[in-house]
Protein backbone atom coordinates (compact mmCIF):
# COMPACT_ATOMS: atom_id res chain seq x y z
CA MET A 1 -17.75 -6.39 -2.43
CA MET A 2 -14.33 -6.35 -4.06
CA GLU A 3 -13.29 -8.18 -7.22
CA TYR A 4 -9.59 -8.63 -7.83
CA ILE A 5 -7.41 -9.78 -10.74
CA HIS A 6 -3.69 -10.25 -10.22
CA ARG A 7 -1.19 -11.45 -12.83
CA GLN A 8 2.57 -11.93 -12.58
CA THR A 9 5.11 -12.56 -15.28
CA VAL A 10 8.88 -12.86 -15.38
CA SER A 11 10.62 -11.48 -18.44
CA TYR A 12 14.01 -10.20 -19.49
CA CYS A 13 14.39 -6.42 -19.41
CA LYS A 14 16.96 -5.06 -21.87
CA VAL A 15 17.20 -1.78 -19.95
CA VAL A 16 18.42 -3.25 -16.62
CA GLN A 17 19.85 -6.35 -18.38
CA ARG A 18 18.30 -9.00 -16.14
CA ASN A 19 15.06 -10.89 -15.52
CA VAL A 20 12.42 -8.90 -13.65
CA LYS A 21 9.04 -9.85 -12.22
CA MET A 22 6.17 -7.63 -13.34
CA GLU A 23 2.83 -7.62 -11.58
CA PHE A 24 -0.48 -6.29 -12.87
CA SER A 25 -3.45 -5.83 -10.55
CA ILE A 26 -6.99 -4.72 -11.30
CA PHE A 27 -9.49 -4.03 -8.52
CA LEU A 28 -13.20 -3.30 -8.69
CA MET A 29 -14.30 -1.98 -5.33
CA GLU A 30 -17.49 -0.11 -4.53
CA GLY A 31 -17.99 0.82 -8.19
CA SER A 32 -14.48 2.20 -8.74
CA LEU A 33 -11.93 0.58 -11.03
CA GLU A 34 -8.36 0.61 -9.71
CA MET A 35 -5.31 -0.62 -11.65
CA CYS A 36 -1.73 -0.97 -10.50
CA THR A 37 1.49 -2.21 -12.09
CA SER A 38 4.83 -2.96 -10.46
CA CYS A 39 8.24 -4.36 -11.33
CA THR A 40 11.06 -5.77 -9.22
CA GLY A 41 13.80 -4.26 -11.42
CA ILE A 42 13.08 -0.55 -11.00
CA GLU A 43 16.12 1.70 -11.19
CA GLU A 44 16.65 5.35 -12.14
CA ILE A 45 17.12 4.37 -15.78
CA CYS A 46 13.55 2.97 -15.84
CA GLN A 47 11.82 6.36 -16.11
CA ASN A 48 10.61 5.64 -19.69
CA CYS A 49 9.33 2.15 -18.89
CA PRO A 50 5.61 1.66 -19.71
CA VAL A 51 5.06 0.05 -16.28
CA ILE A 52 6.34 3.16 -14.47
CA GLN A 53 4.57 5.55 -16.84
CA PHE A 54 1.25 3.76 -16.33
CA ASN A 55 1.33 4.36 -12.56
CA ASP A 56 2.35 8.00 -13.10
CA GLN A 57 -0.43 8.66 -15.63
CA TYR A 58 -3.17 6.90 -13.67
CA PRO A 59 -3.08 7.91 -10.00
CA PRO A 60 -5.25 6.16 -7.36
CA ALA A 61 -9.02 6.23 -7.83
CA SER A 62 -9.26 8.34 -4.67
CA GLN A 63 -8.23 11.22 -6.95
CA LYS A 64 -11.41 10.70 -9.00
CA ARG A 65 -9.59 9.77 -12.20
CA LEU A 66 -12.24 7.30 -13.39
CA PRO A 67 -16.02 7.50 -13.22
CA PRO A 68 -17.83 4.83 -11.16
CA VAL A 69 -18.70 1.65 -13.07
């Protein structure tokens, strides 16, 4: 069984100076929690963005980063 939460928001990004769509997804599948964030405005300048840093700091659950729930 898989449970899934998906949220989208559009907001203005001062870094790329335009509106971007950010998506946040949380999965619970077979006892493992998986989270993912994405943004439509990603450019090279976005390296310090919290959305990008989140994905870099929390790799896929297949790498055993979180204990089973």
